[in-house]
ModelCIF file with pLDDT and N, C-alpha, C, O atoms, coordinates in Angstrom:
data_MODEL
#
_entry.id   MODEL 
#
_entity.id                         1 
_entity.type                       polymer 
_entity.pdbx_number_of_molecules   1 
#
_entity_poly.entity_id                      1 
_entity_poly.type                           'polypeptide(L)' 
_entity_poly.nstd_linkage                   no 
_entity_poly.nstd_monomer                   no 
_entity_poly.pdbx_seq_one_letter_code       DFGPHAAGDLRRHDRLANTGDLVVNSLWDPVTQEVAAFEE 
_entity_poly.pdbx_seq_one_letter_code_can   DFGPHAAGDLRRHDRLANTGDLVVNSLWDPVTQEVAAFEE 
_entity_poly.pdbx_strand_id                 A 
#
loop_
_entity_poly_seq.entity_id 
_entity_poly_seq.num 
_entity_poly_seq.mon_id 
_entity_poly_seq.hetero 
1 1  ASP n 
1 2  PHE n 
1 3  GLY n 
1 4  PRO n 
1 5  HIS n 
1 6  ALA n 
1 7  ALA n 
1 8  GLY n 
1 9  ASP n 
1 10 LEU n 
1 11 ARG n 
1 12 ARG n 
1 13 HIS n 
1 14 ASP n 
1 15 ARG n 
1 16 LEU n 
1 17 ALA n 
1 18 ASN n 
1 19 THR n 
1 20 GLY n 
1 21 ASP n 
1 22 LEU n 
1 23 VAL n 
1 24 VAL n 
1 25 ASN n 
1 26 SER n 
1 27 LEU n 
1 28 TRP n 
1 29 ASP n 
1 30 PRO n 
1 31 VAL n 
1 32 THR n 
1 33 GLN n 
1 34 GLU n 
1 35 VAL n 
1 36 ALA n 
1 37 ALA n 
1 38 PHE n 
1 39 GLU n 
1 40 GLU n 
#
_struct_asym.id          A 
_struct_asym.entity_id   1 
#
loop_
_ma_qa_metric.id 
_ma_qa_metric.mode 
_ma_qa_metric.name 
_ma_qa_metric.software_group_id 
_ma_qa_metric.type 
1 global pLDDT . pLDDT 
2 local  pLDDT . pLDDT 
#
_ma_qa_metric_global.metric_id      1 
_ma_qa_metric_global.metric_value   96.85 
_ma_qa_metric_global.model_id       1 
_ma_qa_metric_global.ordinal_id     1 
#
loop_
_ma_qa_metric_local.label_asym_id 
_ma_qa_metric_local.label_comp_id 
_ma_qa_metric_local.label_seq_id 
_ma_qa_metric_local.metric_id 
_ma_qa_metric_local.metric_value 
_ma_qa_metric_local.model_id 
_ma_qa_metric_local.ordinal_id 
A ASP 1  2 96.00 1 1  
A PHE 2  2 97.00 1 2  
A GLY 3  2 94.00 1 3  
A PRO 4  2 95.00 1 4  
A HIS 5  2 96.00 1 5  
A ALA 6  2 97.00 1 6  
A ALA 7  2 97.00 1 7  
A GLY 8  2 97.00 1 8  
A ASP 9  2 97.00 1 9  
A LEU 10 2 98.00 1 10 
A ARG 11 2 98.00 1 11 
A ARG 12 2 97.00 1 12 
A HIS 13 2 98.00 1 13 
A ASP 14 2 97.00 1 14 
A ARG 15 2 97.00 1 15 
A LEU 16 2 97.00 1 16 
A ALA 17 2 95.00 1 17 
A ASN 18 2 96.00 1 18 
A THR 19 2 97.00 1 19 
A GLY 20 2 97.00 1 20 
A ASP 21 2 98.00 1 21 
A LEU 22 2 98.00 1 22 
A VAL 23 2 98.00 1 23 
A VAL 24 2 98.00 1 24 
A ASN 25 2 98.00 1 25 
A SER 26 2 98.00 1 26 
A LEU 27 2 98.00 1 27 
A TRP 28 2 97.00 1 28 
A ASP 29 2 96.00 1 29 
A PRO 30 2 95.00 1 30 
A VAL 31 2 95.00 1 31 
A THR 32 2 95.00 1 32 
A GLN 33 2 95.00 1 33 
A GLU 34 2 98.00 1 34 
A VAL 35 2 98.00 1 35 
A ALA 36 2 98.00 1 36 
A ALA 37 2 98.00 1 37 
A PHE 38 2 98.00 1 38 
A GLU 39 2 96.00 1 39 
A GLU 40 2 96.00 1 40 
#
loop_
_atom_site.group_PDB 
_atom_site.id 
_atom_site.type_symbol 
_atom_site.label_atom_id 
_atom_site.label_alt_id 
_atom_site.label_comp_id 
_atom_site.label_asym_id 
_atom_site.label_entity_id 
_atom_site.label_seq_id 
_atom_site.pdbx_PDB_ins_code 
_atom_site.Cartn_x 
_atom_site.Cartn_y 
_atom_site.Cartn_z 
_atom_site.occupancy 
_atom_site.B_iso_or_equiv 
_atom_site.pdbx_formal_charge 
_atom_site.auth_seq_id 
_atom_site.auth_comp_id 
_atom_site.auth_asym_id 
_atom_site.auth_atom_id 
_atom_site.pdbx_PDB_model_num 
ATOM 1   N N  . ASP A 1 1  ? 3.524   -9.225  9.593  1.00 96.00 ? 1  ASP A N  1 
ATOM 2   C CA . ASP A 1 1  ? 4.147   -10.075 10.627 1.00 96.00 ? 1  ASP A CA 1 
ATOM 3   C C  . ASP A 1 1  ? 3.159   -11.246 10.797 1.00 96.00 ? 1  ASP A C  1 
ATOM 4   O O  . ASP A 1 1  ? 3.210   -11.909 11.832 1.00 96.00 ? 1  ASP A O  1 
ATOM 5   N N  . PHE A 1 2  ? 2.225   -11.544 9.792  1.00 97.00 ? 2  PHE A N  1 
ATOM 6   C CA . PHE A 1 2  ? 1.286   -12.567 9.940  1.00 97.00 ? 2  PHE A CA 1 
ATOM 7   C C  . PHE A 1 2  ? 1.437   -13.605 9.225  1.00 97.00 ? 2  PHE A C  1 
ATOM 8   O O  . PHE A 1 2  ? 0.513   -14.418 9.193  1.00 97.00 ? 2  PHE A O  1 
ATOM 9   N N  . GLY A 1 3  ? 2.725   -13.855 8.416  1.00 94.00 ? 3  GLY A N  1 
ATOM 10  C CA . GLY A 1 3  ? 3.062   -14.895 7.561  1.00 94.00 ? 3  GLY A CA 1 
ATOM 11  C C  . GLY A 1 3  ? 2.777   -14.968 6.236  1.00 94.00 ? 3  GLY A C  1 
ATOM 12  O O  . GLY A 1 3  ? 1.950   -14.180 5.779  1.00 94.00 ? 3  GLY A O  1 
ATOM 13  N N  . PRO A 1 4  ? 3.374   -15.872 5.438  1.00 95.00 ? 4  PRO A N  1 
ATOM 14  C CA . PRO A 1 4  ? 3.233   -15.813 4.003  1.00 95.00 ? 4  PRO A CA 1 
ATOM 15  C C  . PRO A 1 4  ? 1.763   -16.152 3.576  1.00 95.00 ? 4  PRO A C  1 
ATOM 16  O O  . PRO A 1 4  ? 1.335   -15.719 2.507  1.00 95.00 ? 4  PRO A O  1 
ATOM 17  N N  . HIS A 1 5  ? 1.027   -16.885 4.358  1.00 96.00 ? 5  HIS A N  1 
ATOM 18  C CA . HIS A 1 5  ? -0.371  -17.438 3.975  1.00 96.00 ? 5  HIS A CA 1 
ATOM 19  C C  . HIS A 1 5  ? -1.380  -16.256 4.206  1.00 96.00 ? 5  HIS A C  1 
ATOM 20  O O  . HIS A 1 5  ? -2.520  -16.340 3.749  1.00 96.00 ? 5  HIS A O  1 
ATOM 21  N N  . ALA A 1 6  ? -0.996  -15.239 4.860  1.00 97.00 ? 6  ALA A N  1 
ATOM 22  C CA . ALA A 1 6  ? -2.197  -14.339 5.492  1.00 97.00 ? 6  ALA A CA 1 
ATOM 23  C C  . ALA A 1 6  ? -2.975  -13.690 4.495  1.00 97.00 ? 6  ALA A C  1 
ATOM 24  O O  . ALA A 1 6  ? -4.183  -13.568 4.701  1.00 97.00 ? 6  ALA A O  1 
ATOM 25  N N  . ALA A 1 7  ? -2.396  -13.193 3.295  1.00 97.00 ? 7  ALA A N  1 
ATOM 26  C CA . ALA A 1 7  ? -3.151  -12.418 2.405  1.00 97.00 ? 7  ALA A CA 1 
ATOM 27  C C  . ALA A 1 7  ? -3.997  -13.353 1.667  1.00 97.00 ? 7  ALA A C  1 
ATOM 28  O O  . ALA A 1 7  ? -5.150  -13.014 1.400  1.00 97.00 ? 7  ALA A O  1 
ATOM 29  N N  . GLY A 1 8  ? -3.461  -14.719 1.237  1.00 97.00 ? 8  GLY A N  1 
ATOM 30  C CA . GLY A 1 8  ? -4.317  -15.581 0.727  1.00 97.00 ? 8  GLY A CA 1 
ATOM 31  C C  . GLY A 1 8  ? -5.632  -16.177 1.492  1.00 97.00 ? 8  GLY A C  1 
ATOM 32  O O  . GLY A 1 8  ? -6.684  -16.518 0.951  1.00 97.00 ? 8  GLY A O  1 
ATOM 33  N N  . ASP A 1 9  ? -5.332  -16.214 2.802  1.00 97.00 ? 9  ASP A N  1 
ATOM 34  C CA . ASP A 1 9  ? -6.300  -16.505 3.835  1.00 97.00 ? 9  ASP A CA 1 
ATOM 35  C C  . ASP A 1 9  ? -7.350  -15.572 3.792  1.00 97.00 ? 9  ASP A C  1 
ATOM 36  O O  . ASP A 1 9  ? -8.518  -15.960 3.762  1.00 97.00 ? 9  ASP A O  1 
ATOM 37  N N  . LEU A 1 10 ? -7.026  -14.277 3.786  1.00 98.00 ? 10 LEU A N  1 
ATOM 38  C CA . LEU A 1 10 ? -8.045  -13.213 3.707  1.00 98.00 ? 10 LEU A CA 1 
ATOM 39  C C  . LEU A 1 10 ? -8.821  -13.111 2.479  1.00 98.00 ? 10 LEU A C  1 
ATOM 40  O O  . LEU A 1 10 ? -10.014 -12.808 2.514  1.00 98.00 ? 10 LEU A O  1 
ATOM 41  N N  . ARG A 1 11 ? -8.221  -13.341 1.433  1.00 98.00 ? 11 ARG A N  1 
ATOM 42  C CA . ARG A 1 11 ? -8.962  -13.199 0.170  1.00 98.00 ? 11 ARG A CA 1 
ATOM 43  C C  . ARG A 1 11 ? -9.896  -14.415 0.244  1.00 98.00 ? 11 ARG A C  1 
ATOM 44  O O  . ARG A 1 11 ? -11.042 -14.261 -0.177 1.00 98.00 ? 11 ARG A O  1 
ATOM 45  N N  . ARG A 1 12 ? -9.559  -15.498 0.692  1.00 97.00 ? 12 ARG A N  1 
ATOM 46  C CA . ARG A 1 12 ? -10.681 -16.667 0.676  1.00 97.00 ? 12 ARG A CA 1 
ATOM 47  C C  . ARG A 1 12 ? -11.619 -16.288 1.705  1.00 97.00 ? 12 ARG A C  1 
ATOM 48  O O  . ARG A 1 12 ? -12.809 -16.256 1.389  1.00 97.00 ? 12 ARG A O  1 
ATOM 49  N N  . HIS A 1 13 ? -11.271 -15.987 2.916  1.00 98.00 ? 13 HIS A N  1 
ATOM 50  C CA . HIS A 1 13 ? -12.429 -15.408 3.823  1.00 98.00 ? 13 HIS A CA 1 
ATOM 51  C C  . HIS A 1 13 ? -13.371 -14.508 3.342  1.00 98.00 ? 13 HIS A C  1 
ATOM 52  O O  . HIS A 1 13 ? -14.588 -14.616 3.498  1.00 98.00 ? 13 HIS A O  1 
ATOM 53  N N  . ASP A 1 14 ? -12.740 -13.542 2.705  1.00 97.00 ? 14 ASP A N  1 
ATOM 54  C CA . ASP A 1 14 ? -13.753 -12.555 2.036  1.00 97.00 ? 14 ASP A CA 1 
ATOM 55  C C  . ASP A 1 14 ? -14.691 -13.179 1.342  1.00 97.00 ? 14 ASP A C  1 
ATOM 56  O O  . ASP A 1 14 ? -15.794 -12.637 1.409  1.00 97.00 ? 14 ASP A O  1 
ATOM 57  N N  . ARG A 1 15 ? -14.615 -14.259 0.617  1.00 97.00 ? 15 ARG A N  1 
ATOM 58  C CA . ARG A 1 15 ? -15.442 -14.865 -0.222 1.00 97.00 ? 15 ARG A CA 1 
ATOM 59  C C  . ARG A 1 15 ? -16.377 -15.737 0.438  1.00 97.00 ? 15 ARG A C  1 
ATOM 60  O O  . ARG A 1 15 ? -17.324 -16.130 -0.244 1.00 97.00 ? 15 ARG A O  1 
ATOM 61  N N  . LEU A 1 16 ? -16.282 -16.170 1.815  1.00 97.00 ? 16 LEU A N  1 
ATOM 62  C CA . LEU A 1 16 ? -17.010 -17.121 2.501  1.00 97.00 ? 16 LEU A CA 1 
ATOM 63  C C  . LEU A 1 16 ? -18.348 -16.630 2.773  1.00 97.00 ? 16 LEU A C  1 
ATOM 64  O O  . LEU A 1 16 ? -18.506 -15.479 3.178  1.00 97.00 ? 16 LEU A O  1 
ATOM 65  N N  . ALA A 1 17 ? -19.323 -17.419 2.580  1.00 95.00 ? 17 ALA A N  1 
ATOM 66  C CA . ALA A 1 17 ? -20.764 -17.163 2.904  1.00 95.00 ? 17 ALA A CA 1 
ATOM 67  C C  . ALA A 1 17 ? -20.711 -16.841 4.395  1.00 95.00 ? 17 ALA A C  1 
ATOM 68  O O  . ALA A 1 17 ? -19.942 -17.540 5.056  1.00 95.00 ? 17 ALA A O  1 
ATOM 69  N N  . ASN A 1 18 ? -21.404 -15.894 5.031  1.00 96.00 ? 18 ASN A N  1 
ATOM 70  C CA . ASN A 1 18 ? -21.618 -15.692 6.374  1.00 96.00 ? 18 ASN A CA 1 
ATOM 71  C C  . ASN A 1 18 ? -20.410 -15.021 6.908  1.00 96.00 ? 18 ASN A C  1 
ATOM 72  O O  . ASN A 1 18 ? -20.321 -14.914 8.131  1.00 96.00 ? 18 ASN A O  1 
ATOM 73  N N  . THR A 1 19 ? -19.572 -14.606 6.233  1.00 97.00 ? 19 THR A N  1 
ATOM 74  C CA . THR A 1 19 ? -18.359 -14.004 6.996  1.00 97.00 ? 19 THR A CA 1 
ATOM 75  C C  . THR A 1 19 ? -19.024 -12.529 7.431  1.00 97.00 ? 19 THR A C  1 
ATOM 76  O O  . THR A 1 19 ? -20.131 -12.083 7.130  1.00 97.00 ? 19 THR A O  1 
ATOM 77  N N  . GLY A 1 20 ? -17.950 -11.919 8.255  1.00 97.00 ? 20 GLY A N  1 
ATOM 78  C CA . GLY A 1 20 ? -18.682 -10.769 8.889  1.00 97.00 ? 20 GLY A CA 1 
ATOM 79  C C  . GLY A 1 20 ? -18.426 -9.540  7.927  1.00 97.00 ? 20 GLY A C  1 
ATOM 80  O O  . GLY A 1 20 ? -17.600 -9.594  7.016  1.00 97.00 ? 20 GLY A O  1 
ATOM 81  N N  . ASP A 1 21 ? -19.273 -8.325  8.228  1.00 98.00 ? 21 ASP A N  1 
ATOM 82  C CA . ASP A 1 21 ? -19.227 -7.289  7.461  1.00 98.00 ? 21 ASP A CA 1 
ATOM 83  C C  . ASP A 1 21 ? -17.752 -6.505  7.668  1.00 98.00 ? 21 ASP A C  1 
ATOM 84  O O  . ASP A 1 21 ? -17.172 -5.837  6.812  1.00 98.00 ? 21 ASP A O  1 
ATOM 85  N N  . LEU A 1 22 ? -17.328 -6.765  8.986  1.00 98.00 ? 22 LEU A N  1 
ATOM 86  C CA . LEU A 1 22 ? -16.140 -6.531  9.237  1.00 98.00 ? 22 LEU A CA 1 
ATOM 87  C C  . LEU A 1 22 ? -15.407 -7.796  10.066 1.00 98.00 ? 22 LEU A C  1 
ATOM 88  O O  . LEU A 1 22 ? -15.971 -8.354  11.007 1.00 98.00 ? 22 LEU A O  1 
ATOM 89  N N  . VAL A 1 23 ? -14.179 -8.140  9.624  1.00 98.00 ? 23 VAL A N  1 
ATOM 90  C CA . VAL A 1 23 ? -13.259 -9.135  10.156 1.00 98.00 ? 23 VAL A CA 1 
ATOM 91  C C  . VAL A 1 23 ? -12.248 -8.744  11.031 1.00 98.00 ? 23 VAL A C  1 
ATOM 92  O O  . VAL A 1 23 ? -11.435 -8.022  10.453 1.00 98.00 ? 23 VAL A O  1 
ATOM 93  N N  . VAL A 1 24 ? -11.977 -8.950  12.245 1.00 98.00 ? 24 VAL A N  1 
ATOM 94  C CA . VAL A 1 24 ? -10.914 -8.192  13.063 1.00 98.00 ? 24 VAL A CA 1 
ATOM 95  C C  . VAL A 1 24 ? -10.162 -9.232  13.736 1.00 98.00 ? 24 VAL A C  1 
ATOM 96  O O  . VAL A 1 24 ? -10.730 -10.146 14.334 1.00 98.00 ? 24 VAL A O  1 
ATOM 97  N N  . ASN A 1 25 ? -8.828  -9.117  13.654 1.00 98.00 ? 25 ASN A N  1 
ATOM 98  C CA . ASN A 1 25 ? -7.905  -9.892  14.263 1.00 98.00 ? 25 ASN A CA 1 
ATOM 99  C C  . ASN A 1 25 ? -7.108  -9.070  15.367 1.00 98.00 ? 25 ASN A C  1 
ATOM 100 O O  . ASN A 1 25 ? -6.816  -7.883  15.217 1.00 98.00 ? 25 ASN A O  1 
ATOM 101 N N  . SER A 1 26 ? -6.799  -9.792  16.449 1.00 98.00 ? 26 SER A N  1 
ATOM 102 C CA . SER A 1 26 ? -6.128  -9.174  17.395 1.00 98.00 ? 26 SER A CA 1 
ATOM 103 C C  . SER A 1 26 ? -4.647  -8.892  17.145 1.00 98.00 ? 26 SER A C  1 
ATOM 104 O O  . SER A 1 26 ? -4.155  -9.394  16.134 1.00 98.00 ? 26 SER A O  1 
ATOM 105 N N  . LEU A 1 27 ? -3.872  -8.142  17.952 1.00 98.00 ? 27 LEU A N  1 
ATOM 106 C CA . LEU A 1 27 ? -2.646  -8.031  17.753 1.00 98.00 ? 27 LEU A CA 1 
ATOM 107 C C  . LEU A 1 27 ? -1.802  -9.211  17.874 1.00 98.00 ? 27 LEU A C  1 
ATOM 108 O O  . LEU A 1 27 ? -2.099  -10.040 18.734 1.00 98.00 ? 27 LEU A O  1 
ATOM 109 N N  . TRP A 1 28 ? -0.805  -9.393  17.139 1.00 97.00 ? 28 TRP A N  1 
ATOM 110 C CA . TRP A 1 28 ? 0.247   -10.498 17.140 1.00 97.00 ? 28 TRP A CA 1 
ATOM 111 C C  . TRP A 1 28 ? 1.598   -9.873  17.295 1.00 97.00 ? 28 TRP A C  1 
ATOM 112 O O  . TRP A 1 28 ? 2.053   -9.175  16.389 1.00 97.00 ? 28 TRP A O  1 
ATOM 113 N N  . ASP A 1 29 ? 2.290   -10.103 18.453 1.00 96.00 ? 29 ASP A N  1 
ATOM 114 C CA . ASP A 1 29 ? 3.587   -9.529  18.622 1.00 96.00 ? 29 ASP A CA 1 
ATOM 115 C C  . ASP A 1 29 ? 4.650   -10.646 18.551 1.00 96.00 ? 29 ASP A C  1 
ATOM 116 O O  . ASP A 1 29 ? 4.678   -11.562 19.374 1.00 96.00 ? 29 ASP A O  1 
ATOM 117 N N  . PRO A 1 30 ? 5.439   -10.540 17.630 1.00 95.00 ? 30 PRO A N  1 
ATOM 118 C CA . PRO A 1 30 ? 6.386   -11.330 17.137 1.00 95.00 ? 30 PRO A CA 1 
ATOM 119 C C  . PRO A 1 30 ? 7.544   -11.500 18.053 1.00 95.00 ? 30 PRO A C  1 
ATOM 120 O O  . PRO A 1 30 ? 8.258   -12.498 17.955 1.00 95.00 ? 30 PRO A O  1 
ATOM 121 N N  . VAL A 1 31 ? 7.772   -10.548 18.965 1.00 95.00 ? 31 VAL A N  1 
ATOM 122 C CA . VAL A 1 31 ? 8.812   -10.590 20.137 1.00 95.00 ? 31 VAL A CA 1 
ATOM 123 C C  . VAL A 1 31 ? 8.451   -11.462 21.175 1.00 95.00 ? 31 VAL A C  1 
ATOM 124 O O  . VAL A 1 31 ? 9.215   -12.333 21.591 1.00 95.00 ? 31 VAL A O  1 
ATOM 125 N N  . THR A 1 32 ? 7.214   -11.251 21.653 1.00 95.00 ? 32 THR A N  1 
ATOM 126 C CA . THR A 1 32 ? 6.741   -11.965 22.746 1.00 95.00 ? 32 THR A CA 1 
ATOM 127 C C  . THR A 1 32 ? 6.087   -13.204 22.569 1.00 95.00 ? 32 THR A C  1 
ATOM 128 O O  . THR A 1 32 ? 5.868   -14.044 23.442 1.00 95.00 ? 32 THR A O  1 
ATOM 129 N N  . GLN A 1 33 ? 5.707   -13.270 21.033 1.00 95.00 ? 33 GLN A N  1 
ATOM 130 C CA . GLN A 1 33 ? 4.847   -14.316 20.499 1.00 95.00 ? 33 GLN A CA 1 
ATOM 131 C C  . GLN A 1 33 ? 3.448   -14.446 21.326 1.00 95.00 ? 33 GLN A C  1 
ATOM 132 O O  . GLN A 1 33 ? 2.969   -15.480 21.792 1.00 95.00 ? 33 GLN A O  1 
ATOM 133 N N  . GLU A 1 34 ? 2.924   -13.141 21.383 1.00 98.00 ? 34 GLU A N  1 
ATOM 134 C CA . GLU A 1 34 ? 1.539   -13.201 21.887 1.00 98.00 ? 34 GLU A CA 1 
ATOM 135 C C  . GLU A 1 34 ? 0.564   -12.758 21.212 1.00 98.00 ? 34 GLU A C  1 
ATOM 136 O O  . GLU A 1 34 ? 0.819   -11.896 20.371 1.00 98.00 ? 34 GLU A O  1 
ATOM 137 N N  . VAL A 1 35 ? -0.630  -13.151 21.359 1.00 98.00 ? 35 VAL A N  1 
ATOM 138 C CA . VAL A 1 35 ? -1.935  -12.561 20.778 1.00 98.00 ? 35 VAL A CA 1 
ATOM 139 C C  . VAL A 1 35 ? -2.729  -12.049 21.952 1.00 98.00 ? 35 VAL A C  1 
ATOM 140 O O  . VAL A 1 35 ? -2.301  -12.086 23.105 1.00 98.00 ? 35 VAL A O  1 
ATOM 141 N N  . ALA A 1 36 ? -3.954  -11.549 21.591 1.00 98.00 ? 36 ALA A N  1 
ATOM 142 C CA . ALA A 1 36 ? -5.004  -10.951 22.680 1.00 98.00 ? 36 ALA A CA 1 
ATOM 143 C C  . ALA A 1 36 ? -6.235  -11.480 22.439 1.00 98.00 ? 36 ALA A C  1 
ATOM 144 O O  . ALA A 1 36 ? -6.832  -10.946 21.504 1.00 98.00 ? 36 ALA A O  1 
ATOM 145 N N  . ALA A 1 37 ? -6.832  -12.424 23.036 1.00 98.00 ? 37 ALA A N  1 
ATOM 146 C CA . ALA A 1 37 ? -8.025  -13.174 22.609 1.00 98.00 ? 37 ALA A CA 1 
ATOM 147 C C  . ALA A 1 37 ? -9.132  -12.247 22.987 1.00 98.00 ? 37 ALA A C  1 
ATOM 148 O O  . ALA A 1 37 ? -9.055  -11.539 23.991 1.00 98.00 ? 37 ALA A O  1 
ATOM 149 N N  . PHE A 1 38 ? -10.184 -12.247 22.169 1.00 98.00 ? 38 PHE A N  1 
ATOM 150 C CA . PHE A 1 38 ? -11.379 -11.390 22.505 1.00 98.00 ? 38 PHE A CA 1 
ATOM 151 C C  . PHE A 1 38 ? -12.392 -12.226 23.483 1.00 98.00 ? 38 PHE A C  1 
ATOM 152 O O  . PHE A 1 38 ? -13.424 -11.709 23.910 1.00 98.00 ? 38 PHE A O  1 
ATOM 153 N N  . GLU A 1 39 ? -12.044 -13.423 23.762 1.00 96.00 ? 39 GLU A N  1 
ATOM 154 C CA . GLU A 1 39 ? -12.674 -14.327 24.739 1.00 96.00 ? 39 GLU A CA 1 
ATOM 155 C C  . GLU A 1 39 ? -11.826 -14.275 25.947 1.00 96.00 ? 39 GLU A C  1 
ATOM 156 O O  . GLU A 1 39 ? -10.695 -13.816 25.794 1.00 96.00 ? 39 GLU A O  1 
ATOM 157 N N  . GLU A 1 40 ? -12.201 -14.689 27.179 1.00 96.00 ? 40 GLU A N  1 
ATOM 158 C CA . GLU A 1 40 ? -11.294 -14.853 28.222 1.00 96.00 ? 40 GLU A CA 1 
ATOM 159 C C  . GLU A 1 40 ? -10.703 -16.088 28.393 1.00 96.00 ? 40 GLU A C  1 
ATOM 160 O O  . GLU A 1 40 ? -9.896  -16.266 29.306 1.00 96.00 ? 40 GLU A O  1 
#
């Protein structure tokens, strides 16, 4: 549900210097069109 660019984005991000050991994205609800920010 994250769009046609998502896989390419993550391949690119995996190669970036200083990316996280784990990269975590919140939920995306395509019905309500909402995400859940890890910041307030």
